[in-house]
Every structure is written in C-alpha cells, then in structure tokens.
Protein backbone atom coordinates (compact mmCIF):
# COMPACT_ATOMS: atom_id res chain seq x y z
CA UNK A 1 1.04 55.70 -49.27
CA UNK A 2 3.35 58.85 -49.96
CA UNK A 3 1.62 58.71 -53.29
CA UNK A 4 -1.68 58.57 -52.10
CA UNK A 5 -0.98 61.49 -49.93
CA UNK A 6 0.59 63.40 -52.87
CA UNK A 7 -2.41 62.90 -54.99
CA UNK A 8 -4.71 63.70 -52.37
CA UNK A 9 -2.74 66.95 -51.93
CA UNK A 10 -2.85 67.75 -55.69
CA UNK A 11 -6.22 66.96 -56.52
CA UNK A 12 -8.70 69.30 -57.04
CA UNK A 13 -12.19 69.41 -55.48
CA UNK A 14 -15.31 70.13 -57.57
CA UNK A 15 -15.58 73.52 -56.48
CA UNK A 16 -12.17 74.16 -57.51
CA UNK A 17 -12.46 73.11 -61.16
CA UNK A 18 -12.96 76.05 -63.88
CA UNK A 19 -16.24 76.44 -65.78
CA UNK A 20 -14.71 74.68 -68.63
CA UNK A 21 -13.76 71.29 -66.49
CA UNK A 22 -17.27 71.03 -65.32
CA UNK A 23 -19.12 71.53 -68.66
CA UNK A 24 -19.80 68.16 -70.56
CA UNK A 25 -17.87 67.16 -73.46
CA UNK A 26 -19.09 68.22 -76.88
CA UNK A 27 -21.98 65.63 -78.16
CA UNK A 28 -22.84 64.00 -74.76
CA UNK A 29 -25.90 64.54 -72.57
CA UNK A 30 -26.45 66.86 -69.84
CA UNK A 31 -25.33 65.01 -66.64
CA UNK A 32 -28.36 64.71 -63.99
CA UNK A 33 -28.73 67.27 -61.84
CA UNK A 34 -26.42 66.58 -58.45
CA UNK A 35 -28.89 65.42 -55.68
CA UNK A 36 -29.76 68.20 -53.06
CA UNK A 37 -27.59 68.21 -50.19
CA UNK A 38 -28.56 67.56 -46.57
CA UNK A 39 -30.74 70.16 -45.28
CA UNK A 40 -28.74 72.00 -42.27
CA UNK A 41 -31.44 71.30 -39.81
CA UNK A 42 -30.49 67.58 -40.27
CA UNK A 43 -26.81 68.59 -39.91
CA UNK A 44 -28.13 70.49 -36.78
CA UNK A 45 -29.92 67.68 -35.21
CA UNK A 46 -27.18 64.89 -35.82
CA UNK A 47 -24.64 67.22 -34.10
CA UNK A 48 -26.55 67.93 -31.20
CA UNK A 49 -27.66 64.23 -30.57
CA UNK A 50 -23.96 63.47 -30.85
CA UNK A 51 -23.04 65.67 -28.43
CA UNK A 52 -25.73 64.58 -25.87
CA UNK A 53 -24.24 60.95 -26.64
CA UNK A 54 -20.61 62.15 -26.14
CA UNK A 55 -21.26 63.93 -22.90
CA UNK A 56 -22.72 61.56 -21.33
CA UNK A 57 -20.22 59.20 -22.54
CA UNK A 58 -17.36 61.18 -20.86
CA UNK A 59 -19.56 61.19 -17.81
CA UNK A 60 -19.75 57.33 -17.50
CA UNK A 61 -16.16 56.14 -18.38
CA UNK A 62 -14.80 59.03 -16.15
CA UNK A 63 -15.36 59.04 -12.35
CA UNK A 64 -15.77 62.53 -12.06
CA UNK A 65 -16.48 62.52 -8.25
CA UNK A 66 -13.33 60.90 -7.56
CA UNK A 67 -11.32 63.74 -9.82
CA UNK A 68 -12.52 65.89 -7.72
CA UNK A 69 -12.45 64.52 -4.34
CA UNK A 70 -8.96 63.03 -4.74
CA UNK A 71 -6.29 65.04 -2.73
CA UNK A 72 -3.48 66.89 -4.97
CA UNK A 73 -0.31 65.15 -5.09
CA UNK A 74 3.36 67.19 -5.32
CA UNK A 75 2.97 67.84 -9.19
CA UNK A 76 -0.31 69.14 -8.96
CA UNK A 77 0.40 71.15 -5.73
CA UNK A 78 2.47 73.73 -7.08
CA UNK A 79 0.24 74.22 -9.92
CA UNK A 80 -2.73 74.64 -7.27
CA UNK A 81 -0.37 77.18 -5.22
CA UNK A 82 -0.54 79.36 -8.39
CA UNK A 83 -3.77 80.41 -7.24
CA UNK A 84 -2.51 81.76 -4.22
CA UNK A 85 -0.39 84.30 -5.24
CA UNK A 86 -0.77 87.78 -6.96
CA UNK A 87 -1.42 87.91 -10.58
CA UNK A 88 2.24 89.77 -11.23
CA UNK A 89 3.63 86.82 -9.51
CA UNK A 90 2.74 84.32 -12.54
CA UNK A 91 5.30 84.95 -14.71
CA UNK A 92 7.84 83.71 -12.29
CA UNK A 93 5.85 80.83 -10.87
CA UNK A 94 4.62 79.19 -13.63
CA UNK A 95 7.45 76.89 -14.51
CA UNK A 96 6.76 74.30 -17.04
CA UNK A 97 2.82 75.16 -16.89
CA UNK A 98 1.82 77.86 -19.34
CA UNK A 99 0.58 80.93 -17.82
CA UNK A 100 -2.87 80.90 -19.49
CA UNK A 101 -3.68 77.40 -17.69
CA UNK A 102 -2.61 78.96 -13.91
CA UNK A 103 -5.14 82.03 -15.22
CA UNK A 104 -7.89 79.88 -16.02
CA UNK A 105 -7.47 77.67 -12.61
CA UNK A 106 -8.66 81.09 -10.75
CA UNK A 107 -12.01 80.44 -12.49
CA UNK A 108 -12.89 77.51 -10.30
CA UNK A 109 -14.67 78.49 -7.54
CA UNK A 110 -13.81 75.67 -5.15
CA UNK A 111 -9.96 75.08 -4.22
CA UNK A 112 -10.65 71.24 -4.02
CA UNK A 113 -12.15 71.18 -7.45
CA UNK A 114 -9.43 72.38 -9.66
CA UNK A 115 -9.35 69.18 -11.32
CA UNK A 116 -12.60 70.56 -13.52
CA UNK A 117 -9.99 72.53 -15.65
CA UNK A 118 -8.40 69.25 -16.82
CA UNK A 119 -11.71 67.38 -17.18
CA UNK A 120 -13.25 70.58 -19.27
CA UNK A 121 -9.98 69.92 -21.71
CA UNK A 122 -10.76 66.23 -21.43
CA UNK A 123 -14.24 66.75 -22.73
CA UNK A 124 -13.21 69.46 -25.49
CA UNK A 125 -10.63 66.85 -26.99
CA UNK A 126 -13.33 64.24 -27.40
CA UNK A 127 -15.57 66.89 -28.98
CA UNK A 128 -12.65 68.08 -30.96
CA UNK A 129 -12.13 64.78 -32.54
CA UNK A 130 -15.67 64.43 -33.37
CA UNK A 131 -15.36 67.68 -35.37
CA UNK A 132 -12.64 66.45 -36.96
CA UNK A 133 -14.00 63.24 -38.26
CA UNK A 134 -17.12 65.00 -38.91
CA UNK A 135 -15.18 67.57 -41.45
CA UNK A 136 -12.56 65.44 -42.91
CA UNK A 137 -14.86 62.55 -44.18
CA UNK A 138 -16.43 63.47 -47.24
CA UNK A 139 -19.68 61.34 -47.24
CA UNK A 140 -23.18 62.90 -46.53
CA UNK A 141 -24.36 63.79 -43.11
CA UNK A 142 -24.74 59.83 -41.99
CA UNK A 143 -21.23 58.88 -42.81
CA UNK A 144 -19.45 61.84 -41.59
CA UNK A 145 -21.06 61.48 -38.63
CA UNK A 146 -20.39 58.08 -37.97
CA UNK A 147 -16.41 59.48 -38.50
CA UNK A 148 -16.87 62.08 -36.21
CA UNK A 149 -18.26 59.39 -33.72
CA UNK A 150 -15.77 56.98 -34.47
CA UNK A 151 -12.90 59.25 -33.96
CA UNK A 152 -14.43 60.67 -30.57
CA UNK A 153 -15.26 57.46 -29.51
CA UNK A 154 -11.48 56.49 -30.07
CA UNK A 155 -10.65 59.16 -27.85
CA UNK A 156 -13.37 58.52 -24.94
CA UNK A 157 -12.27 54.89 -24.97
CA UNK A 158 -8.32 55.44 -24.70
CA UNK A 159 -6.74 54.09 -21.51
CA UNK A 160 -4.48 56.83 -21.35
CA UNK A 161 -7.08 59.07 -20.56
CA UNK A 162 -7.74 57.41 -17.25
CA UNK A 163 -3.82 58.13 -15.94
CA UNK A 164 -3.60 62.18 -17.18
CA UNK A 165 -5.93 63.99 -15.97
CA UNK A 166 -4.11 65.61 -13.09
CA UNK A 167 -3.82 69.14 -12.23
CA UNK A 168 -1.40 69.86 -15.51
CA UNK A 169 -1.80 70.88 -18.83
CA UNK A 170 -1.80 67.27 -20.46
CA UNK A 171 -5.51 67.48 -21.36
CA UNK A 172 -5.10 71.17 -22.87
CA UNK A 173 -2.04 69.88 -24.95
CA UNK A 174 -4.57 67.01 -26.31
CA UNK A 175 -7.45 69.42 -26.97
CA UNK A 176 -5.00 72.05 -28.77
CA UNK A 177 -3.59 69.18 -31.20
CA UNK A 178 -6.84 67.37 -32.17
CA UNK A 179 -8.33 70.93 -32.76
CA UNK A 180 -5.66 71.88 -35.07
CA UNK A 181 -6.19 68.74 -37.03
CA UNK A 182 -10.03 69.95 -37.24
CA UNK A 183 -8.92 73.28 -38.24
CA UNK A 184 -6.82 71.96 -41.06
CA UNK A 185 -9.47 69.65 -42.31
CA UNK A 186 -12.15 72.72 -42.10
CA UNK A 187 -9.42 75.16 -43.75
CA UNK A 188 -8.89 72.11 -46.66
CA UNK A 189 -12.84 71.13 -46.98
CA UNK A 190 -13.65 75.01 -47.93
CA UNK A 191 -10.59 77.23 -48.67
CA UNK A 192 -11.06 80.80 -47.57
CA UNK A 193 -8.97 83.80 -46.34
CA UNK A 194 -11.03 83.99 -43.52
CA UNK A 195 -10.49 80.30 -42.54
CA UNK A 196 -6.86 80.68 -42.92
CA UNK A 197 -6.79 83.79 -40.62
CA UNK A 198 -8.78 81.73 -37.97
CA UNK A 199 -6.12 78.83 -38.34
CA UNK A 200 -3.15 81.63 -38.03
CA UNK A 201 -4.85 83.05 -34.84
CA UNK A 202 -5.39 79.71 -33.07
CA UNK A 203 -1.71 79.34 -32.65
CA UNK A 204 -1.02 82.49 -30.18
CA UNK A 205 -4.16 81.91 -28.12
CA UNK A 206 -3.69 78.34 -28.01
CA UNK A 207 0.04 78.67 -26.89
CA UNK A 208 -1.28 80.28 -23.69
CA UNK A 209 -2.59 77.15 -22.45
CA UNK A 210 -0.71 74.54 -24.16
CA UNK A 211 3.16 74.54 -25.29
CA UNK A 212 2.97 71.78 -27.55
CA UNK A 213 1.17 74.56 -29.63
CA UNK A 214 4.33 75.10 -31.39
CA UNK A 215 4.41 71.48 -32.52
CA UNK A 216 1.04 70.81 -33.89
CA UNK A 217 0.91 74.71 -35.16
CA UNK A 218 4.18 73.82 -37.28
CA UNK A 219 3.00 70.82 -38.50
CA UNK A 220 -0.49 72.21 -39.37
CA UNK A 221 1.17 75.11 -41.64
CA UNK A 222 3.70 72.55 -42.85
CA UNK A 223 0.94 70.42 -44.30
CA UNK A 224 -0.94 73.65 -45.71
CA UNK A 225 2.21 74.95 -47.32
CA UNK A 226 2.97 71.41 -48.74
CA UNK A 227 -0.31 71.16 -50.06
CA UNK A 228 -0.70 74.41 -51.54
CA UNK A 229 2.36 74.10 -53.38
CA UNK A 230 1.72 70.42 -54.60
CA UNK A 231 -1.69 72.09 -56.22
CA UNK A 232 0.54 74.89 -57.66
CA UNK A 233 -1.99 77.31 -55.74
CA UNK A 234 0.63 79.97 -55.68
CA UNK A 235 -1.65 82.80 -53.87
CA UNK A 236 -2.74 80.75 -51.41
CA UNK A 237 0.66 79.17 -50.87
CA UNK A 238 2.02 83.05 -50.54
CA UNK A 239 -0.99 83.96 -48.17
CA UNK A 240 -0.51 81.18 -46.04
CA UNK A 241 3.45 81.57 -45.62
CA UNK A 242 2.79 85.08 -44.55
CA UNK A 243 -0.13 84.25 -42.00
CA UNK A 244 2.15 81.28 -40.96
CA UNK A 245 5.21 83.46 -40.11
CA UNK A 246 2.55 85.87 -38.27
CA UNK A 247 1.41 83.23 -35.90
CA UNK A 248 5.00 81.87 -35.79
CA UNK A 249 6.78 85.81 -34.67
CA UNK A 250 3.74 85.74 -32.02
CA UNK A 251 4.44 82.27 -30.67
CA UNK A 252 8.07 83.45 -30.60
CA UNK A 253 7.11 86.41 -28.70
CA UNK A 254 5.00 84.41 -26.45
CA UNK A 255 7.78 81.90 -25.60
CA UNK A 256 10.26 84.57 -24.75
CA UNK A 257 7.99 86.56 -22.70
CA UNK A 258 6.61 83.83 -20.48
CA UNK A 259 8.47 80.29 -20.98
CA UNK A 260 11.95 80.81 -21.57
CA UNK A 261 12.84 82.72 -18.40
CA UNK A 262 11.15 79.90 -16.25
CA UNK A 263 12.98 77.18 -18.03
CA UNK A 264 15.50 76.08 -15.55
CA UNK A 265 18.55 74.13 -16.42
CA UNK A 266 17.08 71.49 -13.33
CA UNK A 267 14.11 71.10 -15.62
CA UNK A 268 15.94 70.44 -18.84
CA UNK A 269 18.28 67.87 -16.92
CA UNK A 270 14.84 66.35 -15.42
CA UNK A 271 13.79 65.28 -18.92
CA UNK A 272 17.45 64.40 -20.06
CA UNK A 273 16.23 60.57 -20.54
CA UNK A 274 13.56 61.36 -23.04
CA UNK A 275 16.54 63.28 -25.40
CA UNK A 276 18.06 60.56 -27.35
CA UNK A 277 20.64 60.90 -30.13
CA UNK A 278 20.11 60.11 -33.47
CA UNK A 279 21.95 56.79 -33.55
CA UNK A 280 19.82 55.95 -30.29
CA UNK A 281 16.61 56.87 -32.30
CA UNK A 282 15.26 53.76 -33.79
CA UNK A 283 15.90 51.36 -30.56
CA UNK A 284 14.43 54.17 -28.53
CA UNK A 285 11.17 54.80 -30.26
CA UNK A 286 10.53 51.04 -30.22
CA UNK A 287 11.17 50.86 -26.45
CA UNK A 288 9.22 53.94 -25.40
CA UNK A 289 6.44 52.69 -27.79
CA UNK A 290 6.17 49.41 -26.26
CA UNK A 291 6.19 51.15 -23.01
CA UNK A 292 3.18 52.98 -24.23
CA UNK A 293 1.37 50.37 -25.39
CA UNK A 294 -0.87 49.77 -22.55
CA UNK A 295 -2.10 52.88 -22.45
CA UNK A 296 -2.93 53.30 -26.41
CA UNK A 297 -4.50 49.66 -25.62
CA UNK A 298 -2.39 47.71 -27.93
CA UNK A 299 0.96 45.35 -26.50
CA UNK A 300 2.52 45.54 -29.63
CA UNK A 301 4.08 48.26 -31.65
CA UNK A 302 3.12 46.85 -35.05
CA UNK A 303 -0.39 47.07 -34.38
CA UNK A 304 -0.17 50.96 -33.30
CA UNK A 305 1.60 51.92 -36.41
CA UNK A 306 -0.78 49.93 -38.51
CA UNK A 307 -3.81 51.87 -37.09
CA UNK A 308 -1.96 55.06 -37.57
CA UNK A 309 -1.00 54.38 -41.24
CA UNK A 310 -4.48 53.41 -41.98
CA UNK A 311 -5.95 56.44 -40.97
CA UNK A 312 -3.58 58.51 -42.93
CA UNK A 313 -4.55 56.26 -45.68
CA UNK A 314 -8.02 57.14 -44.89
CA UNK A 315 -7.53 60.81 -45.04
CA UNK A 316 -5.30 60.57 -48.37
CA UNK A 317 -8.39 58.46 -49.65
CA UNK A 318 -10.81 61.36 -49.02
CA UNK A 319 -8.66 63.94 -50.70
CA UNK A 320 -7.60 65.41 -46.95
CA UNK A 321 -4.18 65.54 -48.36
CA UNK A 322 -3.13 68.69 -46.32
CA UNK A 323 -4.57 66.93 -43.50
CA UNK A 324 -2.85 63.60 -43.51
CA UNK A 325 0.31 65.63 -44.28
CA UNK A 326 0.23 67.49 -40.93
CA UNK A 327 -0.70 64.34 -39.14
CA UNK A 328 2.57 62.91 -40.40
CA UNK A 329 4.41 66.08 -39.50
CA UNK A 330 3.52 66.40 -35.86
CA UNK A 331 5.35 63.21 -34.50
CA UNK A 332 8.17 64.26 -36.93
CA UNK A 333 8.48 67.59 -35.54
CA UNK A 334 8.35 65.73 -32.12
CA UNK A 335 11.21 63.64 -33.15
CA UNK A 336 13.49 66.31 -34.00
CA UNK A 337 12.63 68.35 -30.64
CA UNK A 338 13.67 65.27 -28.84
CA UNK A 339 17.03 64.71 -30.85
CA UNK A 340 17.97 68.20 -30.29
CA UNK A 341 17.20 68.18 -26.40
CA UNK A 342 14.31 70.93 -26.69
CA UNK A 343 11.12 68.93 -25.52
CA UNK A 344 10.80 65.45 -24.26
CA UNK A 345 10.04 62.70 -26.76
CA UNK A 346 7.43 60.12 -25.86
CA UNK A 347 7.21 60.76 -22.05
CA UNK A 348 3.86 59.27 -21.11
CA UNK A 349 2.91 62.72 -19.78
CA UNK A 350 4.34 65.62 -22.00
CA UNK A 351 3.05 63.27 -25.24
CA UNK A 352 0.13 62.30 -24.11
CA UNK A 353 -1.08 64.43 -27.05
CA UNK A 354 0.57 62.31 -29.63
CA UNK A 355 -1.67 59.45 -28.03
CA UNK A 356 -4.86 61.21 -28.35
CA UNK A 357 -3.62 62.10 -32.10
CA UNK A 358 -3.02 58.27 -32.73
CA UNK A 359 -6.47 57.51 -31.05
CA UNK A 360 -8.14 59.95 -33.76
CA UNK A 361 -6.29 58.64 -36.67
CA UNK A 362 -7.50 54.88 -35.29
CA UNK A 363 -10.91 56.18 -35.05
CA UNK A 364 -11.39 57.84 -38.54
CA UNK A 365 -9.57 54.45 -40.01
CA UNK A 366 -12.34 52.17 -38.10
CA UNK A 367 -14.87 54.64 -39.85
CA UNK A 368 -13.19 54.41 -43.24
CA UNK A 369 -12.79 50.66 -43.29
CA UNK A 370 -16.27 49.92 -42.16
CA UNK A 371 -17.48 52.10 -44.85
CA UNK A 372 -15.40 50.59 -47.43
CA UNK A 373 -16.34 46.80 -46.25
CA UNK A 374 -20.40 47.98 -46.41
CA UNK A 375 -19.73 49.00 -50.18
CA UNK A 376 -18.43 45.67 -51.03
CA UNK A 377 -21.33 43.67 -49.48
CA UNK A 378 -22.50 41.43 -52.23
CA UNK A 379 -26.28 41.88 -53.38
CA UNK A 380 -25.46 45.68 -53.48
CA UNK A 381 -27.87 46.65 -50.55
CA UNK A 382 -29.55 50.28 -50.53
CA UNK A 383 -27.70 53.25 -48.95
CA UNK A 384 -29.34 52.96 -45.85
CA UNK A 385 -28.49 49.21 -46.03
CA UNK A 386 -24.68 49.99 -46.59
CA UNK A 387 -24.86 52.78 -43.59
CA UNK A 388 -26.56 50.49 -41.14
CA UNK A 389 -23.71 47.50 -42.12
CA UNK A 390 -21.29 50.50 -41.69
CA UNK A 391 -22.28 51.32 -38.09
CA UNK A 392 -22.81 47.76 -36.70
CA UNK A 393 -18.79 47.28 -38.00
CA UNK A 394 -17.76 50.37 -36.28
CA UNK A 395 -19.77 49.76 -32.95
CA UNK A 396 -18.26 46.35 -33.02
CA UNK A 397 -14.71 47.50 -33.17
CA UNK A 398 -15.26 50.03 -30.55
CA UNK A 399 -17.51 48.00 -28.50
CA UNK A 400 -15.02 45.08 -28.45
CA UNK A 401 -11.97 47.62 -27.37
CA UNK A 402 -14.29 48.94 -24.76
CA UNK A 403 -14.93 45.41 -23.29
CA UNK A 404 -11.39 44.42 -23.43
CA UNK A 405 -10.05 47.51 -21.59
CA UNK A 406 -13.21 47.64 -19.79
CA UNK A 407 -11.04 47.60 -16.00
CA UNK A 408 -9.72 51.15 -16.72
CA UNK A 409 -12.70 53.15 -17.37
CA UNK A 410 -13.74 54.92 -13.85
CA UNK A 411 -10.07 54.07 -12.59
CA UNK A 412 -9.68 54.98 -8.89
CA UNK A 413 -5.79 54.87 -9.38
CA UNK A 414 -5.24 51.57 -7.62
CA UNK A 415 -6.40 48.54 -9.46
CA UNK A 416 -4.60 45.10 -9.74
CA UNK A 417 -6.32 44.65 -13.30
CA UNK A 418 -4.89 47.92 -14.46
CA UNK A 419 -0.87 47.72 -15.24
CA UNK A 420 -0.54 51.35 -13.82
CA UNK A 421 -1.08 53.50 -10.55
CA UNK A 422 -2.45 57.44 -10.69
CA UNK A 423 -0.31 59.19 -8.63
CA UNK A 424 -2.89 60.92 -6.75
CA UNK A 425 -4.05 57.74 -5.34
CA UNK A 426 -0.60 57.20 -3.53
CA UNK A 427 -0.37 60.35 -1.52
CA UNK A 428 -2.78 62.18 0.93
CA UNK A 429 -0.88 65.14 2.61
CA UNK A 430 -4.97 66.95 2.53
CA UNK A 431 -6.04 64.61 5.37
CA UNK A 432 -2.64 64.91 7.31
CA UNK A 433 -2.56 68.78 7.27
CA UNK A 434 -6.29 68.90 8.16
CA UNK A 435 -5.72 66.60 10.91
CA UNK A 436 -2.48 68.83 12.24
CA UNK A 437 -4.92 71.94 11.97
CA UNK A 438 -7.39 70.16 14.18
CA UNK A 439 -5.34 68.39 16.64
CA UNK A 440 -2.31 70.51 16.98
CA UNK A 441 -2.09 72.37 20.56
CA UNK A 442 -0.36 75.11 21.57
CA UNK A 443 3.50 74.37 22.04
CA UNK A 444 3.22 71.29 19.64
CA UNK A 445 6.36 71.49 17.16
CA UNK A 446 5.19 70.56 13.53
CA UNK A 447 8.22 68.89 11.24
CA UNK A 448 7.54 69.17 7.68
CA UNK A 449 9.48 67.32 4.86
CA UNK A 450 10.30 69.65 1.86
CA UNK A 451 7.99 68.32 -0.49
CA UNK A 452 5.09 68.50 1.98
CA UNK A 453 5.50 72.07 2.45
CA UNK A 454 3.42 72.50 -0.85
CA UNK A 455 0.56 70.96 0.70
CA UNK A 456 0.79 72.84 4.32
CA UNK A 457 0.60 75.94 2.76
CA UNK A 458 -2.40 75.14 0.25
CA UNK A 459 -4.42 73.45 2.75
CA UNK A 460 -3.65 74.84 5.80
CA UNK A 461 -6.67 77.29 6.61
CA UNK A 462 -6.57 78.57 3.18
CA UNK A 463 -3.03 80.00 3.77
CA UNK A 464 -1.67 82.59 1.13
CA UNK A 465 1.98 81.90 -0.11
CA UNK A 466 5.08 83.45 -0.14
CA UNK A 467 8.29 81.99 -2.26
CA UNK A 468 11.51 82.61 -3.07
CA UNK A 469 13.70 81.81 -5.95
CA UNK A 470 15.58 78.21 -6.23
CA UNK A 471 17.60 75.81 -8.10
CA UNK A 472 14.83 73.18 -8.48
CA UNK A 473 12.78 72.16 -11.40
CA UNK A 474 10.63 75.00 -10.91
CA UNK A 475 12.58 77.63 -9.95
CA UNK A 476 11.39 78.72 -6.95
CA UNK A 477 9.93 77.24 -3.67
CA UNK A 478 6.98 78.21 -1.19
CA UNK A 479 7.93 79.68 2.29
CA UNK A 480 6.21 78.14 5.52
CA UNK A 481 4.48 80.38 7.52
CA UNK A 482 6.90 82.11 10.38
CA UNK A 483 6.36 80.30 13.59
CA UNK A 484 9.14 79.07 15.76
CA UNK A 485 7.25 75.81 16.44
CA UNK A 486 7.59 75.22 12.62
CA UNK A 487 10.87 73.14 11.58
CA UNK A 488 10.97 72.50 7.69
CA UNK A 489 13.55 69.89 6.35
CA UNK A 490 15.55 71.91 3.60
CA UNK A 491 16.22 68.60 1.83
CA UNK A 492 16.27 65.05 1.73
CA UNK A 493 19.55 64.37 2.96
CA UNK A 494 19.87 61.77 5.92
CA UNK A 495 21.77 64.53 7.78
CA UNK A 496 19.14 67.12 7.15
CA UNK A 497 16.26 64.87 8.25
CA UNK A 498 18.16 63.99 11.66
CA UNK A 499 18.87 67.32 12.15
CA UNK A 500 15.60 68.68 11.50
CA UNK A 501 14.01 66.14 13.92
CA UNK A 502 16.59 66.63 16.76
CA UNK A 503 15.85 70.31 16.59
CA UNK A 504 11.94 70.05 16.86
CA UNK A 505 12.49 67.88 19.98
CA UNK A 506 14.50 70.15 21.31
CA UNK A 507 12.06 72.95 20.87
CA UNK A 508 9.07 71.03 22.20
CA UNK A 509 10.86 70.09 25.25
CA UNK A 510 11.45 73.53 25.88
CA UNK A 511 7.94 74.58 25.46
CA UNK A 512 6.90 71.91 28.24
CA UNK A 513 6.06 68.64 29.56
CA UNK A 514 2.47 68.56 27.45
CA UNK A 515 4.52 69.48 23.61
CA UNK A 516 4.64 66.88 21.27
CA UNK A 517 6.50 66.72 17.79
CA UNK A 518 3.98 66.26 14.52
CA UNK A 519 5.53 64.76 11.61
CA UNK A 520 3.88 65.91 8.21
CA UNK A 521 5.75 64.00 5.44
CA UNK A 522 4.71 63.38 1.84
CA UNK A 523 6.48 61.75 -1.06
CA UNK A 524 9.12 60.32 1.35
CA UNK A 525 9.32 56.58 0.44
CA UNK A 526 12.78 56.98 -0.95
CA UNK A 527 14.07 58.32 2.78
CA UNK A 528 12.47 55.66 4.54
CA UNK A 529 14.91 54.31 6.30
CA UNK A 530 16.65 57.92 6.85
CA UNK A 531 13.29 58.82 8.90
CA UNK A 532 13.36 55.61 10.37
CA UNK A 533 16.45 56.12 11.80
CA UNK A 534 15.79 59.71 12.91
CA UNK A 535 12.63 58.82 14.80
CA UNK A 536 14.21 55.32 16.17
CA UNK A 537 15.22 57.10 19.45
CA UNK A 538 11.68 58.17 20.08
CA UNK A 539 8.02 56.53 20.87
CA UNK A 540 6.29 57.23 17.72
CA UNK A 541 2.61 56.62 17.37
CA UNK A 542 0.38 57.61 14.26
CA UNK A 543 -2.71 59.79 14.24
CA UNK A 544 -4.57 57.30 11.93
CA UNK A 545 -4.42 54.39 9.65
CA UNK A 546 -4.36 55.32 5.82
CA UNK A 547 -1.83 57.13 3.30
CA UNK A 548 0.68 59.26 4.69
CA UNK A 549 -0.19 59.69 8.23
CA UNK A 550 1.45 62.10 10.89
CA UNK A 551 3.64 60.63 13.17
CA UNK A 552 3.38 61.75 16.51
CA UNK A 553 6.29 61.92 18.99
CA UNK A 554 4.34 62.14 22.53
CA UNK A 555 6.30 63.97 24.85
CA UNK A 556 10.11 63.34 24.05
C-alpha cells in the first residue's frame, strides 16, 4: 500500500504534463478528441439531489425532538452556563470547550435548544463527507456522486453518531476533520495558489470551534508537503511549507491566548488513563479499538483496520496520494500526542473525529470496490449498466449495515438492544429545579449538591451566573444565589453531606413549623450511601416519580 501511495503522490495528472508529453508520437495517428465533460448543470442537479437526500436522511436517522427536549446533564451544563456570563469572562471559563463554540451557542435563541449547534455540525459532517467522496473519486459525475453518497451514508449510519451529540464540540471536531480531508482532495484535484491559501486559512478559523484542528491541519499539510516533494514540485513545496508555517503560527497564537491558560492540571489528570507509554501502545490500541467496536459497527479490530486500509488503497488508486497521506498521518499524530500526554488517545468522546474519518474511509472503500467489481462483470455491460451494478452493490452494503444496526438509530439513550447509554437520559436536574421553583414556600430551605448547582443556576428562572476560580477540571465553579435558605454541599465527602443536611434542618426549624427542607441532587449515585445516612434520621418523601426527584423533609 505504501508503494501505491508513493506512486499516487508522484504521478502527474493530465493537466500537469508538458505539451511534449501530450503530443502523439511521430508516425502515429491523432488520438480521438476527448469526450466532453459533464455539464455544470448536470453536476449541480446531482449535488442538489444529494443534498436533499442527505438532509432527509439526517432527520430520519436522528431524533431531533429528543435532542432538543432532553435536559442537559452535568458535562453539558457548564457549557450552557457560558451563555449566562459577559463576553469578557469567556476566555476564563471555556475550559475544554473552544471559545468559538461558546460564542456560537449565543446565536441559538432558545436556551433549551442549544443542542441545535452540535446537530448543525453533525449535519455538516455528513455534507463534508459527501464533498470529500465527490472530489476524491476521479470518475465522471455519476461515479463521483456515488462515492460522495457512500462516504456521507457511512457517516450518517455510524452508530457513534447517536451517542456523541451532547452539548460539546465533538460533532464540530468531526466536521472539521472531514472538511480538511475534503480541502486536501480539492487542492490535489486542481492545484492553485488560491486553493492553497484557503486550506491554510481554514486552520485558524476552524481552531476556534475545534481543538483537533491542530491534529488534522498538521496531517493535511504533512500530506501536501510529502506529496509535492515526491513529485519534485519544488515551487509548490516551498509555497506549501511557507503557508503551512504561517497557519501553524496563527494556531499557536490562538492556543496560547485561549487554550493554554484554561488547561488545568486537574483536566490533564482526568485524561491520564488515555496517555499510554510507548511499551504499552500495542496492547492499548487493541484494547481501545475493541472497546470502540460497537460504536464503529464492528466487533473485531481486524474488520475496522481492513476497511480503513481499503479506503486508503482506493484513494491511492484514484491518484489522491496527498489525501491518502493526510489520512494516514492523522491517527499517527494522535498516537504521538497520546504518548506525549498532550491529547487523550482513543477516548470515545475526544476521539470521535477519528471514528468519523474512519467511516469516510469505509464509505469510499465500498464505492471503490463496487465500481471495480462492476467493471469486472462478464459481458462488458454498457456504462450505464456498470453504474447501475455499482449503485446496487453500494446500496446493498450500506443497507445491510443499516439493517444490522437499526436499533441504534433515533436512539433515545436507554434501549436494552443497544450496548450503550446516552448520559443525558440518565439525569434530569431540569424537572427538579422547575419543581422547586413552583413548589418552594417561604421559609423552605434548599439543599443543593455540588453538581446540581450548575443546573439550578441555569434553569432557575433564567438566573444569571457568578463564578469563582477553582481547582477542578474547569478551573471555576458557579456561585449559588445569595440566600440564607440555600445550603450548598461543598463537596462529595460523607461529612460534608451530613453537615449540609444538618445545617439545613436547623435553619428550617428556625424558620417556623411549616418550613421544609428540599434536597436537590444530580449525578449523586456514587454518594448514595452517604446521602442515605444523612437523611436517615428524618421522614423523607419524594416530589414525584422519575429521574432525580426532589427529596422532601417535611417539618423536621
């Protein structure tokens, strides 16, 4: 395969050949005039039809109503709270979420519908995959459209897409990763200085919404530099190196301004399990890929690697050597960053972009093999017949995959037929906060555990947020409204829980005989025994049945 990629990188396309190379040999007949290229109108019609199909498919596969209606869970809540602070505070509270992402959230008018942003980037991933296949495949309009639909269909049907659409930048990571592959293929398909400038400018812009831009941008320019060097195109090599360095410098400036200051030691420690050493690497990679198998749609690492290799081989066969090199460099750089403890390697969330890139490779592998098989059919059917065979084969593969994984699609988060759960389906602090807002009487004392503070501030009558620095993974914590009848549990230790409940009970007794203690908690299962011990001396009822109901101590 390496030989194929090298050959693809060094081969010249017809438009790169010299006039002497184009000229026929002496004494030979003039070659027939080339067939006219497909009209621009035909290409536009094909792309418009594909766009309609992909948008409809995205809405069919994903339950958008559930995405919007499900309450935010803890890891989403601090992202949602970024919409409640002044713009000048954003550089201090973005944490692991890019500042551009938090700015885009402010464009969503409904605070309960912020997941429209990850949904938009999820759709962009599908469309970018179509563009990649459309550009990377060198056949006519029909074959390249088939390749685009195969790539986008693979992304659309990827099971991992059903569990990584919470209010974080993971779908933006995927969209950026696939978009860079499409940009490299676009540049390789018709090299120009203008296109090279576009690829270079894309890095700093994309970095504002996705920190994996560093990985995919370096991989992209690595593929371009190696490819131009292999072709001995020294002027292009120099231009690529200069613009790549300029783009990298801007990435470094943005990193130093917005990422490095908020990358806390606690956050680095949180990812320590995803930083393998070099001797651990082979076993670590096998273990993690095996864990990710259900989300990729295959239980065996060998199948995953085989499809990826087939995709790279198809790119090499299509004379997209630079693109193939960029694809290979992306996981290689991810491994280097993992070993150097810079970026977590093969975590199911932060490495979601690698899973989507793999789906794109699998898609173009399916299309390439289908086209190749159609050409080998005995009898030599006409072009339309071969295209029909390729379409049927591609549809059969994708259709079989979709049928096998049908229980994943429109996944609501809890389904025994799916070997995973969505975190938002396990928590519901929103209902609890709104119940408190509606049923809390004067004199009632509210106890809030440390994680529910985020949800209380966000959902409590649209309250604004104050924050203070902290040593947690975020580097900050929100401050609850100033109210003597609100007791916040400062941590998760049994003694802290016991003390908070005791103070709340004493306060309620001081407020009068009708005062109650309302206990608002989220993500507290790990402290279940501590809470049971703290509440055991009192008669406790619950506000309603369901997830995370409010515990009520009446007249303590």
